[in-house]
Amino acid sequence: MSAGALSIAKLIMSGFLVGSGVVAMHYTGMLAMNVQADILWDKTIIAASVGIAVAASIVALWLAVHVKHMWQMVVSALVMGVAVCGMHYTGMVAVDFVHNDALPYISPVTATSSVLALVIAVIDAIPVVIATMAFMGMLTSVKPKPTNYEKKRIKKHSSFTFLPLSQWERGRKQVIS
């Protein structure tokens, strides 16, 4: 989505891909459940859950591309959270579990599974803590105002290579031709 101007087609395609990822993650998890029951699906509600995921993803991506302020970024993240939660809870309404004694018995969770769940939770928390610390660092960092010399240098030099713009343009033309 970052290449070129944002068109409606790019936005819809990107929203469809993000929404499809949310849907795939949810229903893969649902199908991986090991229960002593027959699972009955309501296809109409499944379609609604897919629609919710795609529509909310499109809105969240549009917001993310058009952010100018921190509060807009927060709103975009909240909309994406609504997409995931709305899709998840609608998807859960789409399923009925009917107990079936003919299926093999599934034993309850043991302590080793609880330890595994704890390990996974800790591993999942690490990026959240790091991201929170980075975000807090962004909020508290103080950037000095550039001096007049720095302002002139910035105007005359490429921010990518730090070469003078005239040299940068010559090199770019040589690569292109």
C-alpha atoms as a PDB file:
ATOM      1  CA  MET A   1       0.000   0.000   0.000  1.00  0.00           C
ATOM      2  CA  SER A   2       2.927   2.341   0.535  1.00  0.00           C
ATOM      3  CA  ALA A   3       4.015   2.372  -3.121  1.00  0.00           C
ATOM      4  CA  GLY A   4       2.395   5.186  -5.066  1.00  0.00           C
ATOM      5  CA  ALA A   5      -0.842   6.973  -4.391  1.00  0.00           C
ATOM      6  CA  LEU A   6      -3.552   5.203  -2.428  1.00  0.00           C
ATOM      7  CA  SER A   7      -6.333   4.212  -4.791  1.00  0.00           C
ATOM      8  CA  ILE A   8      -9.691   2.744  -3.849  1.00  0.00           C
ATOM      9  CA  ALA A   9      -8.699  -0.531  -5.556  1.00  0.00           C
ATOM     10  CA  LYS A  10      -5.472  -0.780  -3.497  1.00  0.00           C
ATOM     11  CA  LEU A  11      -7.348   0.010  -0.307  1.00  0.00           C
ATOM     12  CA  ILE A  12     -10.051  -2.591  -0.954  1.00  0.00           C
ATOM     13  CA  MET A  13      -7.525  -5.241  -2.000  1.00  0.00           C
ATOM     14  CA  SER A  14      -5.347  -4.551   1.056  1.00  0.00           C
ATOM     15  CA  GLY A  15      -8.378  -4.585   3.350  1.00  0.00           C
ATOM     16  CA  PHE A  16      -9.499  -7.859   1.788  1.00  0.00           C
ATOM     17  CA  LEU A  17      -6.062  -9.404   2.390  1.00  0.00           C
ATOM     18  CA  VAL A  18      -5.842  -8.185   6.005  1.00  0.00           C
ATOM     19  CA  GLY A  19      -9.445  -9.236   6.708  1.00  0.00           C
ATOM     20  CA  SER A  20      -8.802 -12.624   5.104  1.00  0.00           C
ATOM     21  CA  GLY A  21      -5.775 -13.074   7.351  1.00  0.00           C
ATOM     22  CA  VAL A  22      -7.894 -12.380  10.430  1.00  0.00           C
ATOM     23  CA  VAL A  23     -10.562 -14.805   9.183  1.00  0.00           C
ATOM     24  CA  ALA A  24      -7.991 -17.500   8.356  1.00  0.00           C
ATOM     25  CA  MET A  25      -6.404 -17.155  11.793  1.00  0.00           C
ATOM     26  CA  HIS A  26      -9.784 -17.426  13.556  1.00  0.00           C
ATOM     27  CA  TYR A  27     -11.204 -20.362  11.619  1.00  0.00           C
ATOM     28  CA  THR A  28      -7.888 -22.259  11.617  1.00  0.00           C
ATOM     29  CA  GLY A  29      -7.941 -21.993  15.403  1.00  0.00           C
ATOM     30  CA  MET A  30     -11.552 -23.120  15.491  1.00  0.00           C
ATOM     31  CA  LEU A  31     -10.813 -26.146  13.312  1.00  0.00           C
ATOM     32  CA  ALA A  32      -7.818 -27.031  15.495  1.00  0.00           C
ATOM     33  CA  MET A  33     -10.013 -27.411  18.572  1.00  0.00           C
ATOM     34  CA  ASN A  34     -10.075 -30.957  19.889  1.00  0.00           C
ATOM     35  CA  VAL A  35     -13.555 -31.558  21.344  1.00  0.00           C
ATOM     36  CA  GLN A  36     -15.828 -34.541  21.851  1.00  0.00           C
ATOM     37  CA  ALA A  37     -18.566 -32.933  19.789  1.00  0.00           C
ATOM     38  CA  ASP A  38     -19.880 -32.530  16.294  1.00  0.00           C
ATOM     39  CA  ILE A  39     -19.314 -29.010  14.985  1.00  0.00           C
ATOM     40  CA  LEU A  40     -22.193 -27.435  13.050  1.00  0.00           C
ATOM     41  CA  TRP A  41     -21.559 -24.218  11.095  1.00  0.00           C
ATOM     42  CA  ASP A  42     -24.057 -21.507  10.075  1.00  0.00           C
ATOM     43  CA  LYS A  43     -22.752 -20.336   6.686  1.00  0.00           C
ATOM     44  CA  THR A  44     -24.765 -17.100   6.756  1.00  0.00           C
ATOM     45  CA  ILE A  45     -23.179 -15.972  10.015  1.00  0.00           C
ATOM     46  CA  ILE A  46     -19.749 -17.077   8.751  1.00  0.00           C
ATOM     47  CA  ALA A  47     -20.244 -14.810   5.721  1.00  0.00           C
ATOM     48  CA  ALA A  48     -21.235 -11.972   8.071  1.00  0.00           C
ATOM     49  CA  SER A  49     -18.074 -12.500  10.149  1.00  0.00           C
ATOM     50  CA  VAL A  50     -15.941 -12.370   6.990  1.00  0.00           C
ATOM     51  CA  GLY A  51     -17.729  -9.163   5.931  1.00  0.00           C
ATOM     52  CA  ILE A  52     -17.088  -7.592   9.338  1.00  0.00           C
ATOM     53  CA  ALA A  53     -13.375  -8.486   9.201  1.00  0.00           C
ATOM     54  CA  VAL A  54     -12.901  -7.137   5.673  1.00  0.00           C
ATOM     55  CA  ALA A  55     -14.958  -3.951   6.178  1.00  0.00           C
ATOM     56  CA  ALA A  56     -13.298  -3.050   9.476  1.00  0.00           C
ATOM     57  CA  SER A  57      -9.858  -3.808   7.989  1.00  0.00           C
ATOM     58  CA  ILE A  58     -10.523  -1.449   5.085  1.00  0.00           C
ATOM     59  CA  VAL A  59     -11.561   1.317   7.487  1.00  0.00           C
ATOM     60  CA  ALA A  60      -8.537   0.688   9.744  1.00  0.00           C
ATOM     61  CA  LEU A  61      -6.127   0.746   6.778  1.00  0.00           C
ATOM     62  CA  TRP A  62      -7.665   3.946   5.430  1.00  0.00           C
ATOM     63  CA  LEU A  63      -7.268   5.541   8.847  1.00  0.00           C
ATOM     64  CA  ALA A  64      -3.691   4.253   9.152  1.00  0.00           C
ATOM     65  CA  VAL A  65      -2.704   5.770   5.801  1.00  0.00           C
ATOM     66  CA  HIS A  66      -4.271   9.128   6.597  1.00  0.00           C
ATOM     67  CA  VAL A  67      -2.917   9.594  10.119  1.00  0.00           C
ATOM     68  CA  LYS A  68      -1.351  12.893  10.999  1.00  0.00           C
ATOM     69  CA  HIS A  69      -1.642  12.798  14.777  1.00  0.00           C
ATOM     70  CA  MET A  70      -1.061  10.227  17.497  1.00  0.00           C
ATOM     71  CA  TRP A  71      -4.759  10.112  18.423  1.00  0.00           C
ATOM     72  CA  GLN A  72      -5.588   9.110  14.832  1.00  0.00           C
ATOM     73  CA  MET A  73      -3.092   6.247  15.073  1.00  0.00           C
ATOM     74  CA  VAL A  74      -4.780   5.119  18.288  1.00  0.00           C
ATOM     75  CA  VAL A  75      -8.215   5.275  16.602  1.00  0.00           C
ATOM     76  CA  SER A  76      -6.871   3.231  13.681  1.00  0.00           C
ATOM     77  CA  ALA A  77      -5.530   0.584  16.065  1.00  0.00           C
ATOM     78  CA  LEU A  78      -8.838   0.502  17.944  1.00  0.00           C
ATOM     79  CA  VAL A  79     -10.759   0.020  14.676  1.00  0.00           C
ATOM     80  CA  MET A  80      -8.465  -2.894  13.784  1.00  0.00           C
ATOM     81  CA  GLY A  81      -9.091  -4.312  17.258  1.00  0.00           C
ATOM     82  CA  VAL A  82     -12.842  -4.039  16.629  1.00  0.00           C
ATOM     83  CA  ALA A  83     -12.307  -5.873  13.325  1.00  0.00           C
ATOM     84  CA  VAL A  84     -10.602  -8.780  15.037  1.00  0.00           C
ATOM     85  CA  CYS A  85     -12.973  -8.912  18.031  1.00  0.00           C
ATOM     86  CA  GLY A  86     -16.140  -8.368  15.974  1.00  0.00           C
ATOM     87  CA  MET A  87     -15.108 -11.076  13.544  1.00  0.00           C
ATOM     88  CA  HIS A  88     -14.157 -13.436  16.359  1.00  0.00           C
ATOM     89  CA  TYR A  89     -17.377 -13.101  18.342  1.00  0.00           C
ATOM     90  CA  THR A  90     -19.533 -13.246  15.217  1.00  0.00           C
ATOM     91  CA  GLY A  91     -17.596 -16.331  14.138  1.00  0.00           C
ATOM     92  CA  MET A  92     -18.225 -17.951  17.521  1.00  0.00           C
ATOM     93  CA  VAL A  93     -21.972 -17.380  17.096  1.00  0.00           C
ATOM     94  CA  ALA A  94     -21.711 -19.239  13.766  1.00  0.00           C
ATOM     95  CA  VAL A  95     -20.747 -22.516  15.420  1.00  0.00           C
ATOM     96  CA  ASP A  96     -22.701 -25.044  17.464  1.00  0.00           C
ATOM     97  CA  PHE A  97     -21.005 -27.828  19.396  1.00  0.00           C
ATOM     98  CA  VAL A  98     -23.209 -30.903  19.773  1.00  0.00           C
ATOM     99  CA  HIS A  99     -21.887 -33.485  22.252  1.00  0.00           C
ATOM    100  CA  ASN A 100     -21.251 -36.865  20.635  1.00  0.00           C
ATOM    101  CA  ASP A 101     -20.434 -39.881  22.846  1.00  0.00           C
ATOM    102  CA  ALA A 102     -19.329 -41.835  19.755  1.00  0.00           C
ATOM    103  CA  LEU A 103     -16.268 -39.581  19.409  1.00  0.00           C
ATOM    104  CA  PRO A 104     -13.152 -40.358  21.466  1.00  0.00           C
ATOM    105  CA  TYR A 105     -12.955 -38.888  24.970  1.00  0.00           C
ATOM    106  CA  ILE A 106     -10.788 -35.765  25.271  1.00  0.00           C
ATOM    107  CA  SER A 107      -9.012 -35.573  28.623  1.00  0.00           C
ATOM    108  CA  PRO A 108      -8.949 -32.276  30.526  1.00  0.00           C
ATOM    109  CA  VAL A 109      -5.970 -29.935  30.388  1.00  0.00           C
ATOM    110  CA  THR A 110      -3.063 -31.045  32.564  1.00  0.00           C
ATOM    111  CA  ALA A 111      -0.502 -28.973  34.473  1.00  0.00           C
ATOM    112  CA  THR A 112       2.016 -29.323  31.640  1.00  0.00           C
ATOM    113  CA  SER A 113      -0.418 -27.595  29.309  1.00  0.00           C
ATOM    114  CA  SER A 114      -0.751 -24.782  31.830  1.00  0.00           C
ATOM    115  CA  VAL A 115       3.012 -24.370  31.922  1.00  0.00           C
ATOM    116  CA  LEU A 116       3.064 -24.244  28.117  1.00  0.00           C
ATOM    117  CA  ALA A 117       0.335 -21.602  28.166  1.00  0.00           C
ATOM    118  CA  LEU A 118       2.353 -19.548  30.672  1.00  0.00           C
ATOM    119  CA  VAL A 119       5.495 -19.791  28.525  1.00  0.00           C
ATOM    120  CA  ILE A 120       3.557 -18.685  25.445  1.00  0.00           C
ATOM    121  CA  ALA A 121       2.017 -15.762  27.372  1.00  0.00           C
ATOM    122  CA  VAL A 122       5.447 -14.600  28.556  1.00  0.00           C
ATOM    123  CA  ILE A 123       6.900 -14.860  25.041  1.00  0.00           C
ATOM    124  CA  ASP A 124       3.921 -12.923  23.659  1.00  0.00           C
ATOM    125  CA  ALA A 125       4.337 -10.245  26.331  1.00  0.00           C
ATOM    126  CA  ILE A 126       7.965  -9.520  25.412  1.00  0.00           C
ATOM    127  CA  PRO A 127       7.228  -7.639  22.127  1.00  0.00           C
ATOM    128  CA  VAL A 128       4.384  -5.784  23.834  1.00  0.00           C
ATOM    129  CA  VAL A 129       6.720  -4.596  26.604  1.00  0.00           C
ATOM    130  CA  ILE A 130       9.418  -3.614  24.096  1.00  0.00           C
ATOM    131  CA  ALA A 131       6.903  -1.730  21.927  1.00  0.00           C
ATOM    132  CA  THR A 132       5.514   0.046  24.993  1.00  0.00           C
ATOM    133  CA  MET A 133       8.999   1.081  26.093  1.00  0.00           C
ATOM    134  CA  ALA A 134       9.811   2.344  22.582  1.00  0.00           C
ATOM    135  CA  PHE A 135       6.544   4.265  22.441  1.00  0.00           C
ATOM    136  CA  MET A 136       7.188   5.829  25.840  1.00  0.00           C
ATOM    137  CA  GLY A 137      10.682   6.758  24.658  1.00  0.00           C
ATOM    138  CA  MET A 138       9.208   8.481  21.605  1.00  0.00           C
ATOM    139  CA  LEU A 139       6.858  10.483  23.793  1.00  0.00           C
ATOM    140  CA  THR A 140       9.554  11.587  26.214  1.00  0.00           C
ATOM    141  CA  SER A 141      12.414  12.201  23.788  1.00  0.00           C
ATOM    142  CA  VAL A 142      13.332  15.842  23.301  1.00  0.00           C
ATOM    143  CA  LYS A 143      14.753  16.740  19.936  1.00  0.00           C
ATOM    144  CA  PRO A 144      16.788  19.960  19.765  1.00  0.00           C
ATOM    145  CA  LYS A 145      15.835  22.455  17.093  1.00  0.00           C
ATOM    146  CA  PRO A 146      18.253  22.391  14.134  1.00  0.00           C
ATOM    147  CA  THR A 147      20.658  25.299  13.835  1.00  0.00           C
ATOM    148  CA  ASN A 148      20.634  27.550  10.768  1.00  0.00           C
ATOM    149  CA  TYR A 149      23.704  25.705   9.455  1.00  0.00           C
ATOM    150  CA  GLU A 150      21.898  22.344   9.806  1.00  0.00           C
ATOM    151  CA  LYS A 151      18.782  23.706   8.073  1.00  0.00           C
ATOM    152  CA  LYS A 152      20.897  24.867   5.094  1.00  0.00           C
ATOM    153  CA  ARG A 153      22.754  21.538   5.009  1.00  0.00           C
ATOM    154  CA  ILE A 154      19.482  19.589   5.056  1.00  0.00           C
ATOM    155  CA  LYS A 155      18.208  21.577   2.060  1.00  0.00           C
ATOM    156  CA  LYS A 156      21.416  20.943   0.091  1.00  0.00           C
ATOM    157  CA  HIS A 157      22.024  17.259   0.960  1.00  0.00           C
ATOM    158  CA  SER A 158      20.130  14.035   0.365  1.00  0.00           C
ATOM    159  CA  SER A 159      18.583  12.729   3.565  1.00  0.00           C
ATOM    160  CA  PHE A 160      19.143   9.179   2.263  1.00  0.00           C
ATOM    161  CA  THR A 161      22.843   9.265   1.309  1.00  0.00           C
ATOM    162  CA  PHE A 162      23.940  12.574   2.915  1.00  0.00           C
ATOM    163  CA  LEU A 163      25.608  13.427  -0.409  1.00  0.00           C
ATOM    164  CA  PRO A 164      25.166  16.906  -1.845  1.00  0.00           C
ATOM    165  CA  LEU A 165      21.993  16.933  -3.941  1.00  0.00           C
ATOM    166  CA  SER A 166      23.905  17.845  -7.098  1.00  0.00           C
ATOM    167  CA  GLN A 167      26.102  14.736  -6.714  1.00  0.00           C
ATOM    168  CA  TRP A 168      23.053  12.613  -5.847  1.00  0.00           C
ATOM    169  CA  GLU A 169      21.245  13.766  -9.000  1.00  0.00           C
ATOM    170  CA  ARG A 170      24.283  12.977 -11.207  1.00  0.00           C
ATOM    171  CA  GLY A 171      24.518   9.487  -9.738  1.00  0.00           C
ATOM    172  CA  ARG A 172      20.791   8.905 -10.135  1.00  0.00           C
ATOM    173  CA  LYS A 173      20.900   9.975 -13.804  1.00  0.00           C
ATOM    174  CA  GLN A 174      23.833   7.607 -14.459  1.00  0.00           C
ATOM    175  CA  VAL A 175      21.917   4.692 -12.951  1.00  0.00           C
ATOM    176  CA  ILE A 176      18.778   5.493 -14.941  1.00  0.00           C
ATOM    177  CA  SER A 177      20.547   5.928 -18.312  1.00  0.00           C
END
